């Protein structure tokens, strides 16, 4: 009998890609959509994909959504919110409600895989080896705190549900709009960075490598009860990203502007205050500023390599070139 996998967050960058991968591998996929969500037609009409609509506050509808599935990959969440309450609503409450529904309606679930974030662990103190899974979490933002709270909510059900948590760092690839902003700046001949730009290092992973790592964790018995960073082999510098983009974007010179930390926090405070008045999340607020000024958003690949046999294989230059060409094809860049 074919395995049925429930995927939340299927309208997002990573979610839509993982649904396509699962369906292409012959799995039956059920996607959980909020009542107001609009699904990508390429996902909706893919053979083997079933839609179920349910609000995360609707216990009865969630029960129907989780009934009869073998595994759940929970990707849904928010990366931007006006305040802590917004992050809690998007990143904590859905985890609690989903697992309550599993407890009542699918006690034989094979696996609940929660996709969290490096932000839940916080930045590293040094670029090598980066944050390890055994390190005590110290998130520096409301987003990171909400992702950690989501993990803690999941662990409270670990005695009843086989649980695995994966924490990706920055994810890039065709379809991503966050890193698009960086390449748009480069195309215009400049790059803004916050804090100590020359010193900063960050882990990055191509979406296809991430999906491969997620599925490796989903199917590994040894991954039950574990947390894994699914990440690049090492942290990268801004200059490496610039050089990977240069052949495709064709710029000769690039003006690199490093905004001092006090200025970043001042901008965050002003824009955050405006967001509080308008009710719309700001591009930068005081909370986001705390993330931007960190030197080392780097996490260690060692545990995933050891336990899962996973290593990211898409080189940065190839992954960025592919992403940029896709942006151009879609006229995003």
C-alpha atoms as a PDB file:
ATOM      1  CA  UNK A   1       0.000   0.000   0.000  1.00  0.00           C
ATOM      2  CA  UNK A   2       1.269   3.482  -0.891  1.00  0.00           C
ATOM      3  CA  UNK A   3       2.353   5.648   1.992  1.00  0.00           C
ATOM      4  CA  UNK A   4       0.393   8.839   2.551  1.00  0.00           C
ATOM      5  CA  UNK A   5       2.329  11.913   3.670  1.00  0.00           C
ATOM      6  CA  UNK A   6       0.627  15.056   4.928  1.00  0.00           C
ATOM      7  CA  UNK A   7       2.491  18.271   4.110  1.00  0.00           C
ATOM      8  CA  UNK A   8       1.658  21.652   5.634  1.00  0.00           C
ATOM      9  CA  UNK A   9       2.955  24.892   4.153  1.00  0.00           C
ATOM     10  CA  UNK A  10       2.647  23.540   0.612  1.00  0.00           C
ATOM     11  CA  UNK A  11       2.016  27.000  -0.853  1.00  0.00           C
ATOM     12  CA  UNK A  12       5.471  28.176   0.271  1.00  0.00           C
ATOM     13  CA  UNK A  13       8.844  28.049  -1.431  1.00  0.00           C
ATOM     14  CA  UNK A  14      10.056  24.872   0.283  1.00  0.00           C
ATOM     15  CA  UNK A  15       6.625  23.273   0.631  1.00  0.00           C
ATOM     16  CA  UNK A  16       5.689  23.415  -3.034  1.00  0.00           C
ATOM     17  CA  UNK A  17       9.056  21.925  -3.943  1.00  0.00           C
ATOM     18  CA  UNK A  18       8.783  19.059  -1.459  1.00  0.00           C
ATOM     19  CA  UNK A  19       5.262  18.183  -2.605  1.00  0.00           C
ATOM     20  CA  UNK A  20       6.533  17.887  -6.172  1.00  0.00           C
ATOM     21  CA  UNK A  21       9.441  15.726  -5.043  1.00  0.00           C
ATOM     22  CA  UNK A  22       7.245  13.362  -3.017  1.00  0.00           C
ATOM     23  CA  UNK A  23       4.663  13.024  -5.760  1.00  0.00           C
ATOM     24  CA  UNK A  24       7.438  12.380  -8.277  1.00  0.00           C
ATOM     25  CA  UNK A  25       8.720   9.557  -6.086  1.00  0.00           C
ATOM     26  CA  UNK A  26       5.317   7.876  -6.084  1.00  0.00           C
ATOM     27  CA  UNK A  27       4.044   8.881  -2.653  1.00  0.00           C
ATOM     28  CA  UNK A  28       0.441   9.871  -2.086  1.00  0.00           C
ATOM     29  CA  UNK A  29       0.531  13.418  -0.747  1.00  0.00           C
ATOM     30  CA  UNK A  30      -2.125  15.234   1.224  1.00  0.00           C
ATOM     31  CA  UNK A  31      -1.652  18.988   1.543  1.00  0.00           C
ATOM     32  CA  UNK A  32      -3.213  20.890   4.416  1.00  0.00           C
ATOM     33  CA  UNK A  33      -4.429  24.320   3.348  1.00  0.00           C
ATOM     34  CA  UNK A  34      -6.018  27.049   5.412  1.00  0.00           C
ATOM     35  CA  UNK A  35      -9.547  27.866   4.194  1.00  0.00           C
ATOM     36  CA  UNK A  36      -8.334  31.140   2.683  1.00  0.00           C
ATOM     37  CA  UNK A  37      -5.203  29.712   1.019  1.00  0.00           C
ATOM     38  CA  UNK A  38      -4.746  29.621  -2.738  1.00  0.00           C
ATOM     39  CA  UNK A  39      -2.807  26.595  -3.892  1.00  0.00           C
ATOM     40  CA  UNK A  40      -0.381  26.653  -6.796  1.00  0.00           C
ATOM     41  CA  UNK A  41      -2.208  25.014  -9.705  1.00  0.00           C
ATOM     42  CA  UNK A  42       0.892  22.985 -10.590  1.00  0.00           C
ATOM     43  CA  UNK A  43       0.647  21.341  -7.157  1.00  0.00           C
ATOM     44  CA  UNK A  44      -3.131  21.072  -7.075  1.00  0.00           C
ATOM     45  CA  UNK A  45      -3.368  19.186 -10.353  1.00  0.00           C
ATOM     46  CA  UNK A  46      -0.392  16.927  -9.809  1.00  0.00           C
ATOM     47  CA  UNK A  47      -1.326  13.270  -9.800  1.00  0.00           C
ATOM     48  CA  UNK A  48      -1.350  11.746  -6.324  1.00  0.00           C
ATOM     49  CA  UNK A  49      -1.884  15.049  -4.471  1.00  0.00           C
ATOM     50  CA  UNK A  50      -5.025  15.576  -2.382  1.00  0.00           C
ATOM     51  CA  UNK A  51      -6.103  18.874  -0.817  1.00  0.00           C
ATOM     52  CA  UNK A  52      -7.654  19.157   2.640  1.00  0.00           C
ATOM     53  CA  UNK A  53      -8.743  22.527   4.014  1.00  0.00           C
ATOM     54  CA  UNK A  54      -8.659  23.234   7.719  1.00  0.00           C
ATOM     55  CA  UNK A  55      -8.018  26.153  10.023  1.00  0.00           C
ATOM     56  CA  UNK A  56      -5.482  25.305  12.709  1.00  0.00           C
ATOM     57  CA  UNK A  57      -8.092  26.385  15.258  1.00  0.00           C
ATOM     58  CA  UNK A  58     -10.640  23.884  13.893  1.00  0.00           C
ATOM     59  CA  UNK A  59     -10.051  20.659  15.839  1.00  0.00           C
ATOM     60  CA  UNK A  60     -12.623  18.670  13.874  1.00  0.00           C
ATOM     61  CA  UNK A  61     -11.192  19.643  10.474  1.00  0.00           C
ATOM     62  CA  UNK A  62      -7.632  18.984  11.682  1.00  0.00           C
ATOM     63  CA  UNK A  63      -8.760  15.553  12.803  1.00  0.00           C
ATOM     64  CA  UNK A  64      -9.943  14.773   9.277  1.00  0.00           C
ATOM     65  CA  UNK A  65      -6.688  16.112   7.852  1.00  0.00           C
ATOM     66  CA  UNK A  66      -4.421  13.884   9.949  1.00  0.00           C
ATOM     67  CA  UNK A  67      -6.560  10.746   9.798  1.00  0.00           C
ATOM     68  CA  UNK A  68      -5.156   7.952   7.681  1.00  0.00           C
ATOM     69  CA  UNK A  69      -1.754   9.484   6.940  1.00  0.00           C
ATOM     70  CA  UNK A  70       1.504   7.665   7.655  1.00  0.00           C
ATOM     71  CA  UNK A  71       3.730  10.702   8.197  1.00  0.00           C
ATOM     72  CA  UNK A  72       3.432  14.456   8.591  1.00  0.00           C
ATOM     73  CA  UNK A  73       5.944  17.061   7.432  1.00  0.00           C
ATOM     74  CA  UNK A  74       5.037  20.333   9.157  1.00  0.00           C
ATOM     75  CA  UNK A  75       6.500  23.240   7.194  1.00  0.00           C
ATOM     76  CA  UNK A  76       3.824  25.888   7.714  1.00  0.00           C
ATOM     77  CA  UNK A  77       4.809  28.956   9.704  1.00  0.00           C
ATOM     78  CA  UNK A  78       5.446  32.675   9.557  1.00  0.00           C
ATOM     79  CA  UNK A  79       8.738  34.524   9.174  1.00  0.00           C
ATOM     80  CA  UNK A  80       7.267  38.013   9.571  1.00  0.00           C
ATOM     81  CA  UNK A  81       4.818  39.323  12.165  1.00  0.00           C
ATOM     82  CA  UNK A  82       4.055  42.614  13.881  1.00  0.00           C
ATOM     83  CA  UNK A  83       4.663  41.267  17.398  1.00  0.00           C
ATOM     84  CA  UNK A  84       5.404  38.197  19.526  1.00  0.00           C
ATOM     85  CA  UNK A  85       1.742  37.210  19.523  1.00  0.00           C
ATOM     86  CA  UNK A  86       1.776  37.004  15.744  1.00  0.00           C
ATOM     87  CA  UNK A  87       4.778  34.680  15.781  1.00  0.00           C
ATOM     88  CA  UNK A  88       3.180  32.514  18.460  1.00  0.00           C
ATOM     89  CA  UNK A  89      -0.018  32.255  16.442  1.00  0.00           C
ATOM     90  CA  UNK A  90       1.884  31.223  13.315  1.00  0.00           C
ATOM     91  CA  UNK A  91       4.709  29.074  14.692  1.00  0.00           C
ATOM     92  CA  UNK A  92       3.576  27.587  17.994  1.00  0.00           C
ATOM     93  CA  UNK A  93      -0.178  27.113  18.066  1.00  0.00           C
ATOM     94  CA  UNK A  94      -0.352  25.109  14.804  1.00  0.00           C
ATOM     95  CA  UNK A  95       2.217  22.620  16.179  1.00  0.00           C
ATOM     96  CA  UNK A  96       0.198  22.169  19.380  1.00  0.00           C
ATOM     97  CA  UNK A  97      -3.104  21.764  17.566  1.00  0.00           C
ATOM     98  CA  UNK A  98      -1.761  19.394  14.922  1.00  0.00           C
ATOM     99  CA  UNK A  99      -0.234  17.101  17.507  1.00  0.00           C
ATOM    100  CA  UNK A 100      -3.396  17.155  19.612  1.00  0.00           C
ATOM    101  CA  UNK A 101      -5.275  16.069  16.496  1.00  0.00           C
ATOM    102  CA  UNK A 102      -2.748  13.298  15.865  1.00  0.00           C
ATOM    103  CA  UNK A 103      -3.122  12.093  19.455  1.00  0.00           C
ATOM    104  CA  UNK A 104      -6.897  11.796  19.056  1.00  0.00           C
ATOM    105  CA  UNK A 105      -7.239  10.670  15.446  1.00  0.00           C
ATOM    106  CA  UNK A 106      -4.001   8.971  14.341  1.00  0.00           C
ATOM    107  CA  UNK A 107      -2.247   7.343  17.281  1.00  0.00           C
ATOM    108  CA  UNK A 108      -0.319   5.037  14.930  1.00  0.00           C
ATOM    109  CA  UNK A 109       1.449   7.823  13.041  1.00  0.00           C
ATOM    110  CA  UNK A 110       4.876   6.690  11.819  1.00  0.00           C
ATOM    111  CA  UNK A 111       6.569  10.095  12.056  1.00  0.00           C
ATOM    112  CA  UNK A 112       5.952  13.765  12.744  1.00  0.00           C
ATOM    113  CA  UNK A 113       8.769  15.800  11.198  1.00  0.00           C
ATOM    114  CA  UNK A 114       8.872  19.426  12.281  1.00  0.00           C
ATOM    115  CA  UNK A 115      10.816  21.846  10.100  1.00  0.00           C
ATOM    116  CA  UNK A 116      12.134  24.459  12.517  1.00  0.00           C
ATOM    117  CA  UNK A 117      15.006  26.907  11.923  1.00  0.00           C
ATOM    118  CA  UNK A 118      18.579  27.744  12.859  1.00  0.00           C
ATOM    119  CA  UNK A 119      17.000  30.851  14.412  1.00  0.00           C
ATOM    120  CA  UNK A 120      15.611  28.614  17.175  1.00  0.00           C
ATOM    121  CA  UNK A 121      19.180  27.753  18.200  1.00  0.00           C
ATOM    122  CA  UNK A 122      20.603  31.236  17.751  1.00  0.00           C
ATOM    123  CA  UNK A 123      23.911  32.321  16.221  1.00  0.00           C
ATOM    124  CA  UNK A 124      27.273  30.647  16.781  1.00  0.00           C
ATOM    125  CA  UNK A 125      30.141  32.073  18.800  1.00  0.00           C
ATOM    126  CA  UNK A 126      32.633  31.160  16.067  1.00  0.00           C
ATOM    127  CA  UNK A 127      32.401  30.297  12.361  1.00  0.00           C
ATOM    128  CA  UNK A 128      33.702  26.769  12.826  1.00  0.00           C
ATOM    129  CA  UNK A 129      32.187  24.342  13.581  1.00  0.00           C
ATOM    130  CA  UNK A 130      29.167  26.582  14.193  1.00  0.00           C
ATOM    131  CA  UNK A 131      26.208  25.796  16.432  1.00  0.00           C
ATOM    132  CA  UNK A 132      25.764  22.130  17.306  1.00  0.00           C
ATOM    133  CA  UNK A 133      22.501  20.404  18.179  1.00  0.00           C
ATOM    134  CA  UNK A 134      23.788  19.770  21.700  1.00  0.00           C
ATOM    135  CA  UNK A 135      24.379  23.492  22.356  1.00  0.00           C
ATOM    136  CA  UNK A 136      21.895  25.292  24.554  1.00  0.00           C
ATOM    137  CA  UNK A 137      19.540  27.381  22.375  1.00  0.00           C
ATOM    138  CA  UNK A 138      19.758  31.158  22.667  1.00  0.00           C
ATOM    139  CA  UNK A 139      17.483  32.716  20.038  1.00  0.00           C
ATOM    140  CA  UNK A 140      18.000  36.441  19.532  1.00  0.00           C
ATOM    141  CA  UNK A 141      14.639  37.336  17.970  1.00  0.00           C
ATOM    142  CA  UNK A 142      10.917  36.848  18.450  1.00  0.00           C
ATOM    143  CA  UNK A 143      10.914  34.665  15.345  1.00  0.00           C
ATOM    144  CA  UNK A 144      13.648  32.450  16.786  1.00  0.00           C
ATOM    145  CA  UNK A 145      11.931  32.273  20.166  1.00  0.00           C
ATOM    146  CA  UNK A 146       8.676  31.225  18.507  1.00  0.00           C
ATOM    147  CA  UNK A 147      10.407  28.482  16.516  1.00  0.00           C
ATOM    148  CA  UNK A 148      12.025  27.207  19.713  1.00  0.00           C
ATOM    149  CA  UNK A 149       8.645  27.306  21.475  1.00  0.00           C
ATOM    150  CA  UNK A 150       7.221  25.306  18.589  1.00  0.00           C
ATOM    151  CA  UNK A 151       9.933  22.703  19.120  1.00  0.00           C
ATOM    152  CA  UNK A 152       9.183  22.595  22.845  1.00  0.00           C
ATOM    153  CA  UNK A 153       5.477  22.124  22.116  1.00  0.00           C
ATOM    154  CA  UNK A 154       6.355  19.196  19.854  1.00  0.00           C
ATOM    155  CA  UNK A 155       8.612  17.585  22.459  1.00  0.00           C
ATOM    156  CA  UNK A 156       5.706  17.517  24.914  1.00  0.00           C
ATOM    157  CA  UNK A 157       4.069  14.982  22.583  1.00  0.00           C
ATOM    158  CA  UNK A 158       7.215  12.960  21.911  1.00  0.00           C
ATOM    159  CA  UNK A 159       6.059  10.158  24.201  1.00  0.00           C
ATOM    160  CA  UNK A 160       3.043   9.567  21.975  1.00  0.00           C
ATOM    161  CA  UNK A 161       4.341  10.492  18.505  1.00  0.00           C
ATOM    162  CA  UNK A 162       7.658   9.547  16.830  1.00  0.00           C
ATOM    163  CA  UNK A 163       9.183  13.003  16.432  1.00  0.00           C
ATOM    164  CA  UNK A 164      12.091  14.391  14.407  1.00  0.00           C
ATOM    165  CA  UNK A 165      13.063  18.073  14.171  1.00  0.00           C
ATOM    166  CA  UNK A 166      15.199  19.590  11.440  1.00  0.00           C
ATOM    167  CA  UNK A 167      16.640  23.105  11.570  1.00  0.00           C
ATOM    168  CA  UNK A 168      17.639  24.586   8.211  1.00  0.00           C
ATOM    169  CA  UNK A 169      19.767  27.723   7.915  1.00  0.00           C
ATOM    170  CA  UNK A 170      19.133  30.205   5.068  1.00  0.00           C
ATOM    171  CA  UNK A 171      17.553  28.334   2.146  1.00  0.00           C
ATOM    172  CA  UNK A 172      17.907  29.477  -1.457  1.00  0.00           C
ATOM    173  CA  UNK A 173      16.951  28.205  -4.890  1.00  0.00           C
ATOM    174  CA  UNK A 174      14.422  28.728  -7.689  1.00  0.00           C
ATOM    175  CA  UNK A 175      11.226  30.189  -6.259  1.00  0.00           C
ATOM    176  CA  UNK A 176      12.728  31.885  -3.198  1.00  0.00           C
ATOM    177  CA  UNK A 177      11.893  35.569  -2.808  1.00  0.00           C
ATOM    178  CA  UNK A 178      13.995  36.386   0.264  1.00  0.00           C
ATOM    179  CA  UNK A 179      17.431  36.035  -1.314  1.00  0.00           C
ATOM    180  CA  UNK A 180      16.054  37.654  -4.468  1.00  0.00           C
ATOM    181  CA  UNK A 181      16.331  40.986  -2.646  1.00  0.00           C
ATOM    182  CA  UNK A 182      20.092  40.435  -2.271  1.00  0.00           C
ATOM    183  CA  UNK A 183      20.584  39.694  -5.965  1.00  0.00           C
ATOM    184  CA  UNK A 184      18.404  42.629  -6.969  1.00  0.00           C
ATOM    185  CA  UNK A 185      20.798  44.895  -5.065  1.00  0.00           C
ATOM    186  CA  UNK A 186      23.793  43.268  -6.736  1.00  0.00           C
ATOM    187  CA  UNK A 187      22.290  43.789 -10.169  1.00  0.00           C
ATOM    188  CA  UNK A 188      22.005  47.501  -9.328  1.00  0.00           C
ATOM    189  CA  UNK A 189      25.682  47.586  -8.348  1.00  0.00           C
ATOM    190  CA  UNK A 190      25.643  47.582  -4.559  1.00  0.00           C
ATOM    191  CA  UNK A 191      25.179  45.320  -1.556  1.00  0.00           C
ATOM    192  CA  UNK A 192      23.995  46.374   1.891  1.00  0.00           C
ATOM    193  CA  UNK A 193      25.014  44.313   4.895  1.00  0.00           C
ATOM    194  CA  UNK A 194      24.471  44.883   8.588  1.00  0.00           C
ATOM    195  CA  UNK A 195      27.169  44.927  11.236  1.00  0.00           C
ATOM    196  CA  UNK A 196      30.601  43.451  10.540  1.00  0.00           C
ATOM    197  CA  UNK A 197      30.101  42.500   6.897  1.00  0.00           C
ATOM    198  CA  UNK A 198      33.682  41.339   6.311  1.00  0.00           C
ATOM    199  CA  UNK A 199      33.611  39.166   9.400  1.00  0.00           C
ATOM    200  CA  UNK A 200      30.169  37.638   8.904  1.00  0.00           C
ATOM    201  CA  UNK A 201      29.733  33.990   7.926  1.00  0.00           C
ATOM    202  CA  UNK A 202      26.482  32.157   7.327  1.00  0.00           C
ATOM    203  CA  UNK A 203      25.305  28.688   6.444  1.00  0.00           C
ATOM    204  CA  UNK A 204      23.208  28.351   3.287  1.00  0.00           C
ATOM    205  CA  UNK A 205      21.595  25.349   1.640  1.00  0.00           C
ATOM    206  CA  UNK A 206      20.000  24.839  -1.761  1.00  0.00           C
ATOM    207  CA  UNK A 207      16.350  23.855  -1.492  1.00  0.00           C
ATOM    208  CA  UNK A 208      16.932  20.545  -3.295  1.00  0.00           C
ATOM    209  CA  UNK A 209      19.666  19.576  -0.843  1.00  0.00           C
ATOM    210  CA  UNK A 210      17.375  20.541   2.029  1.00  0.00           C
ATOM    211  CA  UNK A 211      14.558  18.369   0.718  1.00  0.00           C
ATOM    212  CA  UNK A 212      16.933  15.446   0.325  1.00  0.00           C
ATOM    213  CA  UNK A 213      18.016  15.911   3.948  1.00  0.00           C
ATOM    214  CA  UNK A 214      14.438  16.201   5.192  1.00  0.00           C
ATOM    215  CA  UNK A 215      13.455  12.953   3.467  1.00  0.00           C
ATOM    216  CA  UNK A 216      16.575  11.237   4.775  1.00  0.00           C
ATOM    217  CA  UNK A 217      15.537  12.233   8.325  1.00  0.00           C
ATOM    218  CA  UNK A 218      11.910  11.267   7.708  1.00  0.00           C
ATOM    219  CA  UNK A 219      12.852   7.737   6.663  1.00  0.00           C
ATOM    220  CA  UNK A 220      15.570   7.086   9.249  1.00  0.00           C
ATOM    221  CA  UNK A 221      14.564   5.135  12.347  1.00  0.00           C
ATOM    222  CA  UNK A 222      17.590   6.507  14.183  1.00  0.00           C
ATOM    223  CA  UNK A 223      16.247  10.038  13.658  1.00  0.00           C
ATOM    224  CA  UNK A 224      13.292   9.508  16.026  1.00  0.00           C
ATOM    225  CA  UNK A 225      13.681  11.788  19.032  1.00  0.00           C
ATOM    226  CA  UNK A 226      16.495  13.761  17.395  1.00  0.00           C
ATOM    227  CA  UNK A 227      17.217  17.291  16.152  1.00  0.00           C
ATOM    228  CA  UNK A 228      19.337  17.872  13.042  1.00  0.00           C
ATOM    229  CA  UNK A 229      20.814  20.845  11.262  1.00  0.00           C
ATOM    230  CA  UNK A 230      20.367  20.185   7.536  1.00  0.00           C
ATOM    231  CA  UNK A 231      22.970  22.572   6.272  1.00  0.00           C
ATOM    232  CA  UNK A 232      25.908  23.399   4.035  1.00  0.00           C
ATOM    233  CA  UNK A 233      29.318  21.819   4.701  1.00  0.00           C
ATOM    234  CA  UNK A 234      30.596  25.165   6.049  1.00  0.00           C
ATOM    235  CA  UNK A 235      29.721  28.800   6.508  1.00  0.00           C
ATOM    236  CA  UNK A 236      30.130  31.259   3.625  1.00  0.00           C
ATOM    237  CA  UNK A 237      31.339  34.854   3.414  1.00  0.00           C
ATOM    238  CA  UNK A 238      29.569  37.603   1.487  1.00  0.00           C
ATOM    239  CA  UNK A 239      32.476  37.709  -0.974  1.00  0.00           C
ATOM    240  CA  UNK A 240      31.810  34.078  -1.910  1.00  0.00           C
ATOM    241  CA  UNK A 241      28.168  34.845  -2.687  1.00  0.00           C
ATOM    242  CA  UNK A 242      29.218  37.868  -4.727  1.00  0.00           C
ATOM    243  CA  UNK A 243      31.709  35.860  -6.775  1.00  0.00           C
ATOM    244  CA  UNK A 244      29.130  33.120  -7.374  1.00  0.00           C
ATOM    245  CA  UNK A 245      26.657  35.703  -8.699  1.00  0.00           C
ATOM    246  CA  UNK A 246      29.126  37.769 -10.759  1.00  0.00           C
ATOM    247  CA  UNK A 247      29.300  35.514 -13.886  1.00  0.00           C
ATOM    248  CA  UNK A 248      25.511  35.533 -14.278  1.00  0.00           C
ATOM    249  CA  UNK A 249      24.740  39.116 -13.260  1.00  0.00           C
ATOM    250  CA  UNK A 250      27.770  40.444 -15.119  1.00  0.00           C
ATOM    251  CA  UNK A 251      28.704  43.314 -12.792  1.00  0.00           C
ATOM    252  CA  UNK A 252      32.355  44.393 -12.757  1.00  0.00           C
ATOM    253  CA  UNK A 253      32.385  46.416  -9.577  1.00  0.00           C
ATOM    254  CA  UNK A 254      30.152  46.180  -6.573  1.00  0.00           C
ATOM    255  CA  UNK A 255      29.806  48.819  -3.878  1.00  0.00           C
ATOM    256  CA  UNK A 256      29.668  47.028  -0.523  1.00  0.00           C
ATOM    257  CA  UNK A 257      28.019  49.094   2.199  1.00  0.00           C
ATOM    258  CA  UNK A 258      28.228  47.843   5.777  1.00  0.00           C
ATOM    259  CA  UNK A 259      25.666  49.557   7.978  1.00  0.00           C
ATOM    260  CA  UNK A 260      26.941  50.060  11.561  1.00  0.00           C
ATOM    261  CA  UNK A 261      25.021  48.186  14.241  1.00  0.00           C
ATOM    262  CA  UNK A 262      23.663  51.356  15.928  1.00  0.00           C
ATOM    263  CA  UNK A 263      22.240  52.521  12.595  1.00  0.00           C
ATOM    264  CA  UNK A 264      20.635  49.125  11.937  1.00  0.00           C
ATOM    265  CA  UNK A 265      18.971  49.170  15.351  1.00  0.00           C
ATOM    266  CA  UNK A 266      17.820  52.779  14.842  1.00  0.00           C
ATOM    267  CA  UNK A 267      16.254  51.904  11.486  1.00  0.00           C
ATOM    268  CA  UNK A 268      14.660  48.841  13.030  1.00  0.00           C
ATOM    269  CA  UNK A 269      13.165  50.869  15.836  1.00  0.00           C
ATOM    270  CA  UNK A 270      11.686  53.479  13.486  1.00  0.00           C
ATOM    271  CA  UNK A 271      10.295  50.998  10.954  1.00  0.00           C
ATOM    272  CA  UNK A 272       9.031  48.740  13.733  1.00  0.00           C
ATOM    273  CA  UNK A 273       7.116  51.613  15.285  1.00  0.00           C
ATOM    274  CA  UNK A 274       5.501  52.377  11.929  1.00  0.00           C
ATOM    275  CA  UNK A 275       4.567  48.703  11.552  1.00  0.00           C
ATOM    276  CA  UNK A 276       2.905  48.799  14.966  1.00  0.00           C
ATOM    277  CA  UNK A 277       0.709  51.663  13.763  1.00  0.00           C
ATOM    278  CA  UNK A 278      -0.141  50.156  10.369  1.00  0.00           C
ATOM    279  CA  UNK A 279      -0.495  46.546  11.525  1.00  0.00           C
ATOM    280  CA  UNK A 280       1.767  45.366   8.708  1.00  0.00           C
ATOM    281  CA  UNK A 281       5.118  43.634   9.341  1.00  0.00           C
ATOM    282  CA  UNK A 282       8.139  45.810   8.554  1.00  0.00           C
ATOM    283  CA  UNK A 283      11.043  44.730   6.375  1.00  0.00           C
ATOM    284  CA  UNK A 284      13.286  45.592   9.338  1.00  0.00           C
ATOM    285  CA  UNK A 285      12.294  46.127  12.960  1.00  0.00           C
ATOM    286  CA  UNK A 286      14.243  45.994  16.223  1.00  0.00           C
ATOM    287  CA  UNK A 287      13.724  42.257  16.339  1.00  0.00           C
ATOM    288  CA  UNK A 288      14.974  41.647  12.805  1.00  0.00           C
ATOM    289  CA  UNK A 289      17.903  43.975  13.458  1.00  0.00           C
ATOM    290  CA  UNK A 290      19.035  41.600  16.225  1.00  0.00           C
ATOM    291  CA  UNK A 291      19.308  38.837  13.620  1.00  0.00           C
ATOM    292  CA  UNK A 292      20.963  40.941  10.927  1.00  0.00           C
ATOM    293  CA  UNK A 293      23.889  42.170  13.022  1.00  0.00           C
ATOM    294  CA  UNK A 294      25.063  38.723  14.169  1.00  0.00           C
ATOM    295  CA  UNK A 295      28.474  37.614  12.935  1.00  0.00           C
ATOM    296  CA  UNK A 296      28.024  33.860  12.667  1.00  0.00           C
ATOM    297  CA  UNK A 297      24.757  32.329  11.506  1.00  0.00           C
ATOM    298  CA  UNK A 298      26.586  29.046  11.056  1.00  0.00           C
ATOM    299  CA  UNK A 299      25.489  25.540  12.093  1.00  0.00           C
ATOM    300  CA  UNK A 300      27.422  22.296  12.092  1.00  0.00           C
ATOM    301  CA  UNK A 301      26.665  19.532   9.538  1.00  0.00           C
ATOM    302  CA  UNK A 302      28.429  16.870  11.622  1.00  0.00           C
ATOM    303  CA  UNK A 303      25.459  15.150  13.293  1.00  0.00           C
ATOM    304  CA  UNK A 304      23.452  14.812  10.065  1.00  0.00           C
ATOM    305  CA  UNK A 305      26.529  13.424   8.335  1.00  0.00           C
ATOM    306  CA  UNK A 306      27.130  10.922  11.115  1.00  0.00           C
ATOM    307  CA  UNK A 307      23.556   9.758  11.774  1.00  0.00           C
ATOM    308  CA  UNK A 308      21.865  10.206   8.401  1.00  0.00           C
ATOM    309  CA  UNK A 309      24.751   9.995   5.970  1.00  0.00           C
ATOM    310  CA  UNK A 310      23.647  13.384   4.661  1.00  0.00           C
ATOM    311  CA  UNK A 311      25.975  15.906   3.045  1.00  0.00           C
ATOM    312  CA  UNK A 312      24.842  18.850   0.944  1.00  0.00           C
ATOM    313  CA  UNK A 313      26.190  18.277  -2.572  1.00  0.00           C
ATOM    314  CA  UNK A 314      25.150  21.328  -4.635  1.00  0.00           C
ATOM    315  CA  UNK A 315      28.119  23.740  -4.793  1.00  0.00           C
ATOM    316  CA  UNK A 316      27.337  27.362  -3.959  1.00  0.00           C
ATOM    317  CA  UNK A 317      28.391  28.669  -7.373  1.00  0.00           C
ATOM    318  CA  UNK A 318      26.240  26.133  -9.236  1.00  0.00           C
ATOM    319  CA  UNK A 319      23.232  26.627  -6.987  1.00  0.00           C
ATOM    320  CA  UNK A 320      23.344  30.421  -7.224  1.00  0.00           C
ATOM    321  CA  UNK A 321      23.851  30.329 -11.007  1.00  0.00           C
ATOM    322  CA  UNK A 322      20.819  28.056 -11.400  1.00  0.00           C
ATOM    323  CA  UNK A 323      18.743  30.292  -9.119  1.00  0.00           C
ATOM    324  CA  UNK A 324      19.675  33.481 -10.959  1.00  0.00           C
ATOM    325  CA  UNK A 325      18.893  31.953 -14.351  1.00  0.00           C
ATOM    326  CA  UNK A 326      15.506  30.843 -13.028  1.00  0.00           C
ATOM    327  CA  UNK A 327      14.801  34.384 -11.776  1.00  0.00           C
ATOM    328  CA  UNK A 328      15.571  35.750 -15.221  1.00  0.00           C
ATOM    329  CA  UNK A 329      13.385  33.167 -16.934  1.00  0.00           C
ATOM    330  CA  UNK A 330      10.483  34.175 -14.688  1.00  0.00           C
ATOM    331  CA  UNK A 331      11.355  37.880 -15.120  1.00  0.00           C
ATOM    332  CA  UNK A 332      11.817  38.309 -11.376  1.00  0.00           C
ATOM    333  CA  UNK A 333      15.252  39.829 -11.864  1.00  0.00           C
END
